[in-house]
Amino acid sequence: NAPKHERQIADRNYYVTELKKKIREIYNEIQKFQNEIDEINRDNSTYVTLERKSETLNKEVRQLEGELADYNLALDKQRTDTRPEDILAMFEHIKAYNDKQRHQIDDLFMERKSYEDQINQ
């Protein structure tokens, strides 16, 4: 037998009230998690947008740096009294070299693609 000061039988309302408290606590925790998820999603969306903007701006900076280098080179050539024919000859030489390199890279790419296609078959 249990001592008289301990409750031997709890009535139904006690358990219903306790369950309701626990359900409310669980609901509140779920709401907290949902709010955190929403915040993380908003932050992630903002991050992705900013990342795209950063990539765009970095490309623009690289392009502008290239243009600036071209202008600086032209200015340097003008200061040293380089003849336009010499600049044109340099341009044609560099262009030919770049074209040759591009063709070699294209050939390597096609060769690699051919090997990959053979492996995948």
PDB file of N, CA and C in Angstrom:
ATOM      1  N   ASN A   1       0.830  -1.193   0.000  1.00  0.00           N
ATOM      2  CA  ASN A   1       0.000   0.000   0.000  1.00  0.00           C
ATOM      3  C   ASN A   1       0.867   1.247   0.000  1.00  0.00           C
ATOM      4  N   ALA A   2       0.405   2.222  -0.739  1.00  0.00           N
ATOM      5  CA  ALA A   2       1.125   3.477  -0.829  1.00  0.00           C
ATOM      6  C   ALA A   2       0.793   4.333   0.383  1.00  0.00           C
ATOM      7  N   PRO A   3       1.771   5.152   0.801  1.00  0.00           N
ATOM      8  CA  PRO A   3       1.480   6.027   1.939  1.00  0.00           C
ATOM      9  C   PRO A   3       0.313   6.964   1.617  1.00  0.00           C
ATOM     10  N   LYS A   4      -0.342   7.446   2.634  1.00  0.00           N
ATOM     11  CA  LYS A   4      -1.546   8.246   2.437  1.00  0.00           C
ATOM     12  C   LYS A   4      -1.245   9.609   1.811  1.00  0.00           C
ATOM     13  N   HIS A   5      -0.047  10.146   1.987  1.00  0.00           N
ATOM     14  CA  HIS A   5       0.237  11.472   1.453  1.00  0.00           C
ATOM     15  C   HIS A   5       0.537  11.455  -0.057  1.00  0.00           C
ATOM     16  N   GLU A   6       0.762  10.292  -0.676  1.00  0.00           N
ATOM     17  CA  GLU A   6       0.989  10.208  -2.110  1.00  0.00           C
ATOM     18  C   GLU A   6      -0.334  10.004  -2.834  1.00  0.00           C
ATOM     19  N   ARG A   7      -0.388  10.535  -3.988  1.00  0.00           N
ATOM     20  CA  ARG A   7      -1.595  10.398  -4.776  1.00  0.00           C
ATOM     21  C   ARG A   7      -1.603   9.020  -5.415  1.00  0.00           C
ATOM     22  N   GLN A   8      -2.599   8.251  -5.169  1.00  0.00           N
ATOM     23  CA  GLN A   8      -2.650   6.903  -5.716  1.00  0.00           C
ATOM     24  C   GLN A   8      -3.279   6.886  -7.110  1.00  0.00           C
ATOM     25  N   ILE A   9      -4.273   7.638  -7.320  1.00  0.00           N
ATOM     26  CA  ILE A   9      -4.970   7.656  -8.602  1.00  0.00           C
ATOM     27  C   ILE A   9      -5.112   9.116  -9.026  1.00  0.00           C
ATOM     28  N   ALA A  10      -4.616   9.407 -10.189  1.00  0.00           N
ATOM     29  CA  ALA A  10      -4.771  10.756 -10.711  1.00  0.00           C
ATOM     30  C   ALA A  10      -6.011  10.778 -11.591  1.00  0.00           C
ATOM     31  N   ASP A  11      -6.737  11.846 -11.491  1.00  0.00           N
ATOM     32  CA  ASP A  11      -7.944  11.882 -12.301  1.00  0.00           C
ATOM     33  C   ASP A  11      -7.611  12.184 -13.764  1.00  0.00           C
ATOM     34  N   ARG A  12      -8.546  11.921 -14.634  1.00  0.00           N
ATOM     35  CA  ARG A  12      -8.379  12.054 -16.082  1.00  0.00           C
ATOM     36  C   ARG A  12      -7.994  13.479 -16.469  1.00  0.00           C
ATOM     37  N   ASN A  13      -8.573  14.485 -15.867  1.00  0.00           N
ATOM     38  CA  ASN A  13      -8.308  15.883 -16.218  1.00  0.00           C
ATOM     39  C   ASN A  13      -6.838  16.250 -16.010  1.00  0.00           C
ATOM     40  N   TYR A  14      -6.217  15.682 -15.015  1.00  0.00           N
ATOM     41  CA  TYR A  14      -4.803  15.958 -14.758  1.00  0.00           C
ATOM     42  C   TYR A  14      -3.961  15.545 -15.970  1.00  0.00           C
ATOM     43  N   TYR A  15      -4.184  14.349 -16.477  1.00  0.00           N
ATOM     44  CA  TYR A  15      -3.415  13.857 -17.617  1.00  0.00           C
ATOM     45  C   TYR A  15      -3.748  14.625 -18.898  1.00  0.00           C
ATOM     46  N   VAL A  16      -4.988  14.969 -19.093  1.00  0.00           N
ATOM     47  CA  VAL A  16      -5.392  15.743 -20.267  1.00  0.00           C
ATOM     48  C   VAL A  16      -4.707  17.103 -20.238  1.00  0.00           C
ATOM     49  N   THR A  17      -4.662  17.738 -19.070  1.00  0.00           N
ATOM     50  CA  THR A  17      -4.003  19.035 -18.927  1.00  0.00           C
ATOM     51  C   THR A  17      -2.508  18.910 -19.198  1.00  0.00           C
ATOM     52  N   GLU A  18      -1.879  17.889 -18.672  1.00  0.00           N
ATOM     53  CA  GLU A  18      -0.445  17.670 -18.904  1.00  0.00           C
ATOM     54  C   GLU A  18      -0.163  17.434 -20.384  1.00  0.00           C
ATOM     55  N   LEU A  19      -1.003  16.643 -21.042  1.00  0.00           N
ATOM     56  CA  LEU A  19      -0.836  16.392 -22.471  1.00  0.00           C
ATOM     57  C   LEU A  19      -0.994  17.682 -23.272  1.00  0.00           C
ATOM     58  N   LYS A  20      -1.964  18.494 -22.922  1.00  0.00           N
ATOM     59  CA  LYS A  20      -2.169  19.759 -23.621  1.00  0.00           C
ATOM     60  C   LYS A  20      -0.954  20.669 -23.463  1.00  0.00           C
ATOM     61  N   LYS A  21      -0.363  20.692 -22.267  1.00  0.00           N
ATOM     62  CA  LYS A  21       0.843  21.501 -22.031  1.00  0.00           C
ATOM     63  C   LYS A  21       1.973  21.023 -22.946  1.00  0.00           C
ATOM     64  N   LYS A  22       2.168  19.710 -22.988  1.00  0.00           N
ATOM     65  CA  LYS A  22       3.244  19.147 -23.807  1.00  0.00           C
ATOM     66  C   LYS A  22       2.994  19.398 -25.297  1.00  0.00           C
ATOM     67  N   ILE A  23       1.746  19.261 -25.714  1.00  0.00           N
ATOM     68  CA  ILE A  23       1.405  19.524 -27.120  1.00  0.00           C
ATOM     69  C   ILE A  23       1.696  20.988 -27.452  1.00  0.00           C
ATOM     70  N   ARG A  24       1.357  21.914 -26.557  1.00  0.00           N
ATOM     71  CA  ARG A  24       1.623  23.334 -26.761  1.00  0.00           C
ATOM     72  C   ARG A  24       3.126  23.590 -26.840  1.00  0.00           C
ATOM     73  N   GLU A  25       3.908  22.938 -25.969  1.00  0.00           N
ATOM     74  CA  GLU A  25       5.365  23.093 -25.996  1.00  0.00           C
ATOM     75  C   GLU A  25       5.939  22.589 -27.325  1.00  0.00           C
ATOM     76  N   ILE A  26       5.453  21.447 -27.764  1.00  0.00           N
ATOM     77  CA  ILE A  26       5.918  20.881 -29.037  1.00  0.00           C
ATOM     78  C   ILE A  26       5.540  21.808 -30.188  1.00  0.00           C
ATOM     79  N   TYR A  27       4.314  22.313 -30.180  1.00  0.00           N
ATOM     80  CA  TYR A  27       3.880  23.236 -31.224  1.00  0.00           C
ATOM     81  C   TYR A  27       4.763  24.484 -31.242  1.00  0.00           C
ATOM     82  N   ASN A  28       5.069  25.020 -30.086  1.00  0.00           N
ATOM     83  CA  ASN A  28       5.935  26.203 -30.005  1.00  0.00           C
ATOM     84  C   ASN A  28       7.326  25.914 -30.556  1.00  0.00           C
ATOM     85  N   GLU A  29       7.875  24.753 -30.253  1.00  0.00           N
ATOM     86  CA  GLU A  29       9.187  24.372 -30.784  1.00  0.00           C
ATOM     87  C   GLU A  29       9.142  24.235 -32.308  1.00  0.00           C
ATOM     88  N   ILE A  30       8.066  23.637 -32.809  1.00  0.00           N
ATOM     89  CA  ILE A  30       7.910  23.497 -34.262  1.00  0.00           C
ATOM     90  C   ILE A  30       7.865  24.876 -34.904  1.00  0.00           C
ATOM     91  N   GLN A  31       7.150  25.814 -34.292  1.00  0.00           N
ATOM     92  CA  GLN A  31       7.074  27.175 -34.812  1.00  0.00           C
ATOM     93  C   GLN A  31       8.455  27.831 -34.818  1.00  0.00           C
ATOM     94  N   LYS A  32       9.225  27.625 -33.748  1.00  0.00           N
ATOM     95  CA  LYS A  32      10.579  28.183 -33.695  1.00  0.00           C
ATOM     96  C   LYS A  32      11.421  27.622 -34.840  1.00  0.00           C
ATOM     97  N   PHE A  33      11.339  26.300 -35.037  1.00  0.00           N
ATOM     98  CA  PHE A  33      12.099  25.678 -36.125  1.00  0.00           C
ATOM     99  C   PHE A  33      11.646  26.213 -37.484  1.00  0.00           C
ATOM    100  N   GLN A  34      10.346  26.371 -37.671  1.00  0.00           N
ATOM    101  CA  GLN A  34       9.833  26.887 -38.941  1.00  0.00           C
ATOM    102  C   GLN A  34      10.330  28.303 -39.172  1.00  0.00           C
ATOM    103  N   ASN A  35      10.339  29.119 -38.135  1.00  0.00           N
ATOM    104  CA  ASN A  35      10.859  30.489 -38.267  1.00  0.00           C
ATOM    105  C   ASN A  35      12.336  30.474 -38.626  1.00  0.00           C
ATOM    106  N   GLU A  36      13.110  29.578 -38.010  1.00  0.00           N
ATOM    107  CA  GLU A  36      14.536  29.467 -38.338  1.00  0.00           C
ATOM    108  C   GLU A  36      14.724  29.020 -39.784  1.00  0.00           C
ATOM    109  N   ILE A  37      13.913  28.070 -40.230  1.00  0.00           N
ATOM    110  CA  ILE A  37      13.992  27.589 -41.613  1.00  0.00           C
ATOM    111  C   ILE A  37      13.681  28.727 -42.576  1.00  0.00           C
ATOM    112  N   ASP A  38      12.634  29.490 -42.271  1.00  0.00           N
ATOM    113  CA  ASP A  38      12.273  30.622 -43.131  1.00  0.00           C
ATOM    114  C   ASP A  38      13.408  31.640 -43.202  1.00  0.00           C
ATOM    115  N   GLU A  39      14.010  31.924 -42.072  1.00  0.00           N
ATOM    116  CA  GLU A  39      15.115  32.883 -42.038  1.00  0.00           C
ATOM    117  C   GLU A  39      16.312  32.370 -42.835  1.00  0.00           C
ATOM    118  N   ILE A  40      16.626  31.094 -42.675  1.00  0.00           N
ATOM    119  CA  ILE A  40      17.737  30.491 -43.422  1.00  0.00           C
ATOM    120  C   ILE A  40      17.456  30.549 -44.923  1.00  0.00           C
ATOM    121  N   ASN A  41      16.220  30.258 -45.314  1.00  0.00           N
ATOM    122  CA  ASN A  41      15.867  30.322 -46.741  1.00  0.00           C
ATOM    123  C   ASN A  41      15.991  31.736 -47.289  1.00  0.00           C
ATOM    124  N   ARG A  42      15.562  32.718 -46.498  1.00  0.00           N
ATOM    125  CA  ARG A  42      15.700  34.116 -46.937  1.00  0.00           C
ATOM    126  C   ARG A  42      17.175  34.480 -47.069  1.00  0.00           C
ATOM    127  N   ASP A  43      17.975  34.085 -46.080  1.00  0.00           N
ATOM    128  CA  ASP A  43      19.409  34.382 -46.130  1.00  0.00           C
ATOM    129  C   ASP A  43      20.062  33.700 -47.326  1.00  0.00           C
ATOM    130  N   ASN A  44      19.675  32.459 -47.584  1.00  0.00           N
ATOM    131  CA  ASN A  44      20.244  31.708 -48.710  1.00  0.00           C
ATOM    132  C   ASN A  44      19.878  32.377 -50.032  1.00  0.00           C
ATOM    133  N   SER A  45      18.643  32.803 -50.149  1.00  0.00           N
ATOM    134  CA  SER A  45      18.204  33.485 -51.364  1.00  0.00           C
ATOM    135  C   SER A  45      18.990  34.773 -51.571  1.00  0.00           C
ATOM    136  N   THR A  46      19.182  35.519 -50.502  1.00  0.00           N
ATOM    137  CA  THR A  46      19.955  36.755 -50.577  1.00  0.00           C
ATOM    138  C   THR A  46      21.393  36.455 -50.962  1.00  0.00           C
ATOM    139  N   TYR A  47      21.961  35.405 -50.373  1.00  0.00           N
ATOM    140  CA  TYR A  47      23.343  35.023 -50.674  1.00  0.00           C
ATOM    141  C   TYR A  47      23.498  34.680 -52.153  1.00  0.00           C
ATOM    142  N   VAL A  48      22.571  33.894 -52.681  1.00  0.00           N
ATOM    143  CA  VAL A  48      22.649  33.486 -54.088  1.00  0.00           C
ATOM    144  C   VAL A  48      22.565  34.714 -54.996  1.00  0.00           C
ATOM    145  N   THR A  49      21.663  35.629 -54.667  1.00  0.00           N
ATOM    146  CA  THR A  49      21.521  36.845 -55.461  1.00  0.00           C
ATOM    147  C   THR A  49      22.805  37.664 -55.420  1.00  0.00           C
ATOM    148  N   LEU A  50      23.356  37.825 -54.235  1.00  0.00           N
ATOM    149  CA  LEU A  50      24.591  38.597 -54.094  1.00  0.00           C
ATOM    150  C   LEU A  50      25.765  37.902 -54.781  1.00  0.00           C
ATOM    151  N   GLU A  51      25.786  36.589 -54.738  1.00  0.00           N
ATOM    152  CA  GLU A  51      26.856  35.833 -55.399  1.00  0.00           C
ATOM    153  C   GLU A  51      26.807  36.054 -56.910  1.00  0.00           C
ATOM    154  N   ARG A  52      25.603  36.019 -57.483  1.00  0.00           N
ATOM    155  CA  ARG A  52      25.460  36.273 -58.926  1.00  0.00           C
ATOM    156  C   ARG A  52      25.904  37.694 -59.268  1.00  0.00           C
ATOM    157  N   LYS A  53      25.489  38.642 -58.464  1.00  0.00           N
ATOM    158  CA  LYS A  53      25.862  40.041 -58.690  1.00  0.00           C
ATOM    159  C   LYS A  53      27.383  40.192 -58.606  1.00  0.00           C
ATOM    160  N   SER A  54      27.995  39.506 -57.634  1.00  0.00           N
ATOM    161  CA  SER A  54      29.444  39.567 -57.475  1.00  0.00           C
ATOM    162  C   SER A  54      30.143  39.009 -58.715  1.00  0.00           C
ATOM    163  N   GLU A  55      29.665  37.881 -59.220  1.00  0.00           N
ATOM    164  CA  GLU A  55      30.270  37.292 -60.419  1.00  0.00           C
ATOM    165  C   GLU A  55      30.163  38.244 -61.603  1.00  0.00           C
ATOM    166  N   THR A  56      28.998  38.866 -61.767  1.00  0.00           N
ATOM    167  CA  THR A  56      28.794  39.815 -62.863  1.00  0.00           C
ATOM    168  C   THR A  56      29.747  40.996 -62.742  1.00  0.00           C
ATOM    169  N   LEU A  57      29.849  41.535 -61.536  1.00  0.00           N
ATOM    170  CA  LEU A  57      30.734  42.685 -61.324  1.00  0.00           C
ATOM    171  C   LEU A  57      32.200  42.305 -61.512  1.00  0.00           C
ATOM    172  N   ASN A  58      32.590  41.098 -61.071  1.00  0.00           N
ATOM    173  CA  ASN A  58      33.975  40.654 -61.271  1.00  0.00           C
ATOM    174  C   ASN A  58      34.303  40.526 -62.756  1.00  0.00           C
ATOM    175  N   LYS A  59      33.358  40.009 -63.545  1.00  0.00           N
ATOM    176  CA  LYS A  59      33.584  39.911 -64.994  1.00  0.00           C
ATOM    177  C   LYS A  59      33.743  41.303 -65.595  1.00  0.00           C
ATOM    178  N   GLU A  60      32.889  42.227 -65.152  1.00  0.00           N
ATOM    179  CA  GLU A  60      32.965  43.588 -65.669  1.00  0.00           C
ATOM    180  C   GLU A  60      34.306  44.237 -65.299  1.00  0.00           C
ATOM    181  N   VAL A  61      34.764  44.004 -64.063  1.00  0.00           N
ATOM    182  CA  VAL A  61      36.052  44.559 -63.629  1.00  0.00           C
ATOM    183  C   VAL A  61      37.180  43.994 -64.487  1.00  0.00           C
ATOM    184  N   ARG A  62      37.174  42.676 -64.723  1.00  0.00           N
ATOM    185  CA  ARG A  62      38.221  42.068 -65.554  1.00  0.00           C
ATOM    186  C   ARG A  62      38.219  42.653 -66.962  1.00  0.00           C
ATOM    187  N   GLN A  63      37.022  42.846 -67.512  1.00  0.00           N
ATOM    188  CA  GLN A  63      36.921  43.419 -68.859  1.00  0.00           C
ATOM    189  C   GLN A  63      37.474  44.843 -68.867  1.00  0.00           C
ATOM    190  N   LEU A  64      37.111  45.628 -67.868  1.00  0.00           N
ATOM    191  CA  LEU A  64      37.592  47.009 -67.803  1.00  0.00           C
ATOM    192  C   LEU A  64      39.095  47.061 -67.564  1.00  0.00           C
ATOM    193  N   GLU A  65      39.623  46.117 -66.773  1.00  0.00           N
ATOM    194  CA  GLU A  65      41.075  46.057 -66.579  1.00  0.00           C
ATOM    195  C   GLU A  65      41.787  45.757 -67.888  1.00  0.00           C
ATOM    196  N   GLY A  66      41.193  44.869 -68.694  1.00  0.00           N
ATOM    197  CA  GLY A  66      41.764  44.557 -70.001  1.00  0.00           C
ATOM    198  C   GLY A  66      41.773  45.768 -70.911  1.00  0.00           C
ATOM    199  N   GLU A  67      40.648  46.506 -70.916  1.00  0.00           N
ATOM    200  CA  GLU A  67      40.590  47.718 -71.729  1.00  0.00           C
ATOM    201  C   GLU A  67      41.620  48.740 -71.255  1.00  0.00           C
ATOM    202  N   LEU A  68      41.752  48.893 -69.941  1.00  0.00           N
ATOM    203  CA  LEU A  68      42.725  49.831 -69.393  1.00  0.00           C
ATOM    204  C   LEU A  68      44.145  49.430 -69.801  1.00  0.00           C
ATOM    205  N   ALA A  69      44.430  48.138 -69.759  1.00  0.00           N
ATOM    206  CA  ALA A  69      45.758  47.670 -70.166  1.00  0.00           C
ATOM    207  C   ALA A  69      45.998  47.997 -71.641  1.00  0.00           C
ATOM    208  N   ASP A  70      44.954  47.822 -72.473  1.00  0.00           N
ATOM    209  CA  ASP A  70      45.096  48.160 -73.894  1.00  0.00           C
ATOM    210  C   ASP A  70      45.393  49.648 -74.073  1.00  0.00           C
ATOM    211  N   TYR A  71      44.643  50.481 -73.360  1.00  0.00           N
ATOM    212  CA  TYR A  71      44.868  51.928 -73.460  1.00  0.00           C
ATOM    213  C   TYR A  71      46.263  52.308 -72.961  1.00  0.00           C
ATOM    214  N   ASN A  72      46.679  51.700 -71.855  1.00  0.00           N
ATOM    215  CA  ASN A  72      48.017  51.991 -71.331  1.00  0.00           C
ATOM    216  C   ASN A  72      49.099  51.567 -72.311  1.00  0.00           C
ATOM    217  N   LEU A  73      48.910  50.425 -72.946  1.00  0.00           N
ATOM    218  CA  LEU A  73      49.876  49.951 -73.943  1.00  0.00           C
ATOM    219  C   LEU A  73      49.921  50.903 -75.131  1.00  0.00           C
ATOM    220  N   ALA A  74      48.746  51.317 -75.598  1.00  0.00           N
ATOM    221  CA  ALA A  74      48.701  52.255 -76.727  1.00  0.00           C
ATOM    222  C   ALA A  74      49.373  53.578 -76.354  1.00  0.00           C
ATOM    223  N   LEU A  75      49.120  54.047 -75.144  1.00  0.00           N
ATOM    224  CA  LEU A  75      49.733  55.292 -74.692  1.00  0.00           C
ATOM    225  C   LEU A  75      51.251  55.141 -74.603  1.00  0.00           C
ATOM    226  N   ASP A  76      51.696  53.994 -74.082  1.00  0.00           N
ATOM    227  CA  ASP A  76      53.129  53.741 -73.976  1.00  0.00           C
ATOM    228  C   ASP A  76      53.779  53.707 -75.365  1.00  0.00           C
ATOM    229  N   LYS A  77      53.118  53.055 -76.304  1.00  0.00           N
ATOM    230  CA  LYS A  77      53.653  52.981 -77.671  1.00  0.00           C
ATOM    231  C   LYS A  77      53.686  54.364 -78.308  1.00  0.00           C
ATOM    232  N   GLN A  78      52.698  55.175 -78.026  1.00  0.00           N
ATOM    233  CA  GLN A  78      52.661  56.523 -78.583  1.00  0.00           C
ATOM    234  C   GLN A  78      53.789  57.374 -77.998  1.00  0.00           C
ATOM    235  N   ARG A  79      54.062  57.205 -76.702  1.00  0.00           N
ATOM    236  CA  ARG A  79      55.132  57.977 -76.049  1.00  0.00           C
ATOM    237  C   ARG A  79      56.515  57.606 -76.589  1.00  0.00           C
ATOM    238  N   THR A  80      56.679  56.336 -76.941  1.00  0.00           N
ATOM    239  CA  THR A  80      57.990  55.881 -77.416  1.00  0.00           C
ATOM    240  C   THR A  80      58.113  55.997 -78.931  1.00  0.00           C
ATOM    241  N   ASP A  81      57.177  56.684 -79.542  1.00  0.00           N
ATOM    242  CA  ASP A  81      57.184  56.920 -80.986  1.00  0.00           C
ATOM    243  C   ASP A  81      57.240  55.624 -81.796  1.00  0.00           C
ATOM    244  N   THR A  82      56.523  54.615 -81.350  1.00  0.00           N
ATOM    245  CA  THR A  82      56.431  53.372 -82.114  1.00  0.00           C
ATOM    246  C   THR A  82      55.558  53.626 -83.329  1.00  0.00           C
ATOM    247  N   ARG A  83      56.019  53.154 -84.457  1.00  0.00           N
ATOM    248  CA  ARG A  83      55.274  53.373 -85.698  1.00  0.00           C
ATOM    249  C   ARG A  83      54.021  52.503 -85.720  1.00  0.00           C
ATOM    250  N   PRO A  84      52.947  52.996 -86.310  1.00  0.00           N
ATOM    251  CA  PRO A  84      51.708  52.204 -86.398  1.00  0.00           C
ATOM    252  C   PRO A  84      51.929  50.877 -87.125  1.00  0.00           C
ATOM    253  N   GLU A  85      52.836  50.865 -88.096  1.00  0.00           N
ATOM    254  CA  GLU A  85      53.100  49.616 -88.825  1.00  0.00           C
ATOM    255  C   GLU A  85      53.696  48.561 -87.891  1.00  0.00           C
ATOM    256  N   ASP A  86      54.538  49.004 -86.958  1.00  0.00           N
ATOM    257  CA  ASP A  86      55.134  48.070 -85.992  1.00  0.00           C
ATOM    258  C   ASP A  86      54.068  47.497 -85.067  1.00  0.00           C
ATOM    259  N   ILE A  87      53.152  48.356 -84.652  1.00  0.00           N
ATOM    260  CA  ILE A  87      52.062  47.895 -83.776  1.00  0.00           C
ATOM    261  C   ILE A  87      51.188  46.903 -84.522  1.00  0.00           C
ATOM    262  N   LEU A  88      50.885  47.195 -85.786  1.00  0.00           N
ATOM    263  CA  LEU A  88      50.072  46.286 -86.588  1.00  0.00           C
ATOM    264  C   LEU A  88      50.784  44.947 -86.762  1.00  0.00           C
ATOM    265  N   ALA A  89      52.080  44.980 -86.995  1.00  0.00           N
ATOM    266  CA  ALA A  89      52.850  43.734 -87.150  1.00  0.00           C
ATOM    267  C   ALA A  89      52.819  42.932 -85.849  1.00  0.00           C
ATOM    268  N   MET A  90      52.957  43.628 -84.707  1.00  0.00           N
ATOM    269  CA  MET A  90      52.885  42.947 -83.409  1.00  0.00           C
ATOM    270  C   MET A  90      51.505  42.316 -83.206  1.00  0.00           C
ATOM    271  N   PHE A  91      50.476  43.085 -83.574  1.00  0.00           N
ATOM    272  CA  PHE A  91      49.100  42.596 -83.454  1.00  0.00           C
ATOM    273  C   PHE A  91      48.902  41.329 -84.274  1.00  0.00           C
ATOM    274  N   GLU A  92      49.357  41.369 -85.526  1.00  0.00           N
ATOM    275  CA  GLU A  92      49.180  40.214 -86.408  1.00  0.00           C
ATOM    276  C   GLU A  92      49.952  39.002 -85.889  1.00  0.00           C
ATOM    277  N   HIS A  93      51.144  39.238 -85.361  1.00  0.00           N
ATOM    278  CA  HIS A  93      51.940  38.144 -84.803  1.00  0.00           C
ATOM    279  C   HIS A  93      51.221  37.517 -83.601  1.00  0.00           C
ATOM    280  N   ILE A  94      50.751  38.341 -82.695  1.00  0.00           N
ATOM    281  CA  ILE A  94      50.056  37.836 -81.507  1.00  0.00           C
ATOM    282  C   ILE A  94      48.762  37.143 -81.889  1.00  0.00           C
ATOM    283  N   LYS A  95      48.038  37.716 -82.865  1.00  0.00           N
ATOM    284  CA  LYS A  95      46.792  37.103 -83.315  1.00  0.00           C
ATOM    285  C   LYS A  95      47.060  35.722 -83.907  1.00  0.00           C
ATOM    286  N   ALA A  96      48.092  35.608 -84.730  1.00  0.00           N
ATOM    287  CA  ALA A  96      48.436  34.316 -85.331  1.00  0.00           C
ATOM    288  C   ALA A  96      48.788  33.300 -84.238  1.00  0.00           C
ATOM    289  N   TYR A  97      49.565  33.741 -83.251  1.00  0.00           N
ATOM    290  CA  TYR A  97      49.936  32.857 -82.142  1.00  0.00           C
ATOM    291  C   TYR A  97      48.691  32.400 -81.371  1.00  0.00           C
ATOM    292  N   ASN A  98      47.797  33.332 -81.098  1.00  0.00           N
ATOM    293  CA  ASN A  98      46.564  32.989 -80.375  1.00  0.00           C
ATOM    294  C   ASN A  98      45.695  32.032 -81.184  1.00  0.00           C
ATOM    295  N   ASP A  99      45.595  32.264 -82.486  1.00  0.00           N
ATOM    296  CA  ASP A  99      44.818  31.360 -83.348  1.00  0.00           C
ATOM    297  C   ASP A  99      45.399  29.948 -83.324  1.00  0.00           C
ATOM    298  N   LYS A 100      46.726  29.867 -83.384  1.00  0.00           N
ATOM    299  CA  LYS A 100      47.396  28.559 -83.343  1.00  0.00           C
ATOM    300  C   LYS A 100      47.095  27.854 -82.016  1.00  0.00           C
ATOM    301  N   GLN A 101      47.210  28.600 -80.923  1.00  0.00           N
ATOM    302  CA  GLN A 101      46.926  28.030 -79.598  1.00  0.00           C
ATOM    303  C   GLN A 101      45.462  27.571 -79.505  1.00  0.00           C
ATOM    304  N   ARG A 102      44.549  28.386 -80.035  1.00  0.00           N
ATOM    305  CA  ARG A 102      43.125  28.045 -79.995  1.00  0.00           C
ATOM    306  C   ARG A 102      42.874  26.745 -80.746  1.00  0.00           C
ATOM    307  N   HIS A 103      43.478  26.589 -81.912  1.00  0.00           N
ATOM    308  CA  HIS A 103      43.305  25.365 -82.693  1.00  0.00           C
ATOM    309  C   HIS A 103      43.864  24.154 -81.939  1.00  0.00           C
ATOM    310  N   GLN A 104      45.019  24.307 -81.306  1.00  0.00           N
ATOM    311  CA  GLN A 104      45.598  23.206 -80.539  1.00  0.00           C
ATOM    312  C   GLN A 104      44.682  22.817 -79.372  1.00  0.00           C
ATOM    313  N   ILE A 105      44.149  23.792 -78.697  1.00  0.00           N
ATOM    314  CA  ILE A 105      43.246  23.510 -77.577  1.00  0.00           C
ATOM    315  C   ILE A 105      41.969  22.847 -78.080  1.00  0.00           C
ATOM    316  N   ASP A 106      41.434  23.337 -79.208  1.00  0.00           N
ATOM    317  CA  ASP A 106      40.237  22.717 -79.788  1.00  0.00           C
ATOM    318  C   ASP A 106      40.511  21.264 -80.160  1.00  0.00           C
ATOM    319  N   ASP A 107      41.678  21.007 -80.751  1.00  0.00           N
ATOM    320  CA  ASP A 107      42.035  19.631 -81.115  1.00  0.00           C
ATOM    321  C   ASP A 107      42.130  18.740 -79.879  1.00  0.00           C
ATOM    322  N   LEU A 108      42.765  19.262 -78.813  1.00  0.00           N
ATOM    323  CA  LEU A 108      42.868  18.487 -77.577  1.00  0.00           C
ATOM    324  C   LEU A 108      41.485  18.206 -76.990  1.00  0.00           C
ATOM    325  N   PHE A 109      40.622  19.201 -77.027  1.00  0.00           N
ATOM    326  CA  PHE A 109      39.267  19.024 -76.508  1.00  0.00           C
ATOM    327  C   PHE A 109      38.528  17.949 -77.297  1.00  0.00           C
ATOM    328  N   MET A 110      38.620  18.006 -78.625  1.00  0.00           N
ATOM    329  CA  MET A 110      37.930  17.019 -79.453  1.00  0.00           C
ATOM    330  C   MET A 110      38.498  15.615 -79.220  1.00  0.00           C
ATOM    331  N   GLU A 111      39.797  15.522 -79.050  1.00  0.00           N
ATOM    332  CA  GLU A 111      40.427  14.237 -78.778  1.00  0.00           C
ATOM    333  C   GLU A 111      39.934  13.682 -77.433  1.00  0.00           C
ATOM    334  N   ARG A 112      39.893  14.522 -76.442  1.00  0.00           N
ATOM    335  CA  ARG A 112      39.412  14.097 -75.116  1.00  0.00           C
ATOM    336  C   ARG A 112      37.958  13.662 -75.198  1.00  0.00           C
ATOM    337  N   LYS A 113      37.138  14.449 -75.907  1.00  0.00           N
ATOM    338  CA  LYS A 113      35.725  14.115 -76.047  1.00  0.00           C
ATOM    339  C   LYS A 113      35.576  12.774 -76.740  1.00  0.00           C
ATOM    340  N   SER A 114      36.406  12.535 -77.732  1.00  0.00           N
ATOM    341  CA  SER A 114      36.345  11.261 -78.454  1.00  0.00           C
ATOM    342  C   SER A 114      36.682  10.101 -77.501  1.00  0.00           C
ATOM    343  N   TYR A 115      37.712  10.268 -76.669  1.00  0.00           N
ATOM    344  CA  TYR A 115      38.059   9.242 -75.695  1.00  0.00           C
ATOM    345  C   TYR A 115      36.933   9.024 -74.698  1.00  0.00           C
ATOM    346  N   GLU A 116      36.349  10.077 -74.236  1.00  0.00           N
ATOM    347  CA  GLU A 116      35.234   9.956 -73.277  1.00  0.00           C
ATOM    348  C   GLU A 116      34.055   9.234 -73.908  1.00  0.00           C
ATOM    349  N   ASP A 117      33.753   9.558 -75.169  1.00  0.00           N
ATOM    350  CA  ASP A 117      32.646   8.881 -75.871  1.00  0.00           C
ATOM    351  C   ASP A 117      32.940   7.394 -76.019  1.00  0.00           C
ATOM    352  N   GLN A 118      34.200   7.053 -76.313  1.00  0.00           N
ATOM    353  CA  GLN A 118      34.569   5.638 -76.443  1.00  0.00           C
ATOM    354  C   GLN A 118      34.420   4.927 -75.113  1.00  0.00           C
ATOM    355  N   ILE A 119      34.807   5.587 -74.031  1.00  0.00           N
ATOM    356  CA  ILE A 119      34.721   4.982 -72.697  1.00  0.00           C
ATOM    357  C   ILE A 119      33.257   4.777 -72.298  1.00  0.00           C
ATOM    358  N   ASN A 120      32.413   5.735 -72.628  1.00  0.00           N
ATOM    359  CA  ASN A 120      31.000   5.680 -72.244  1.00  0.00           C
ATOM    360  C   ASN A 120      30.195   4.667 -73.047  1.00  0.00           C
ATOM    361  N   GLN A 121      30.753   4.193 -74.164  1.00  0.00           N
ATOM    362  CA  GLN A 121      29.999   3.234 -74.997  1.00  0.00           C
ATOM    363  C   GLN A 121      30.095   1.848 -74.508  1.00  0.00           C
TER     364      GLN A 121
END
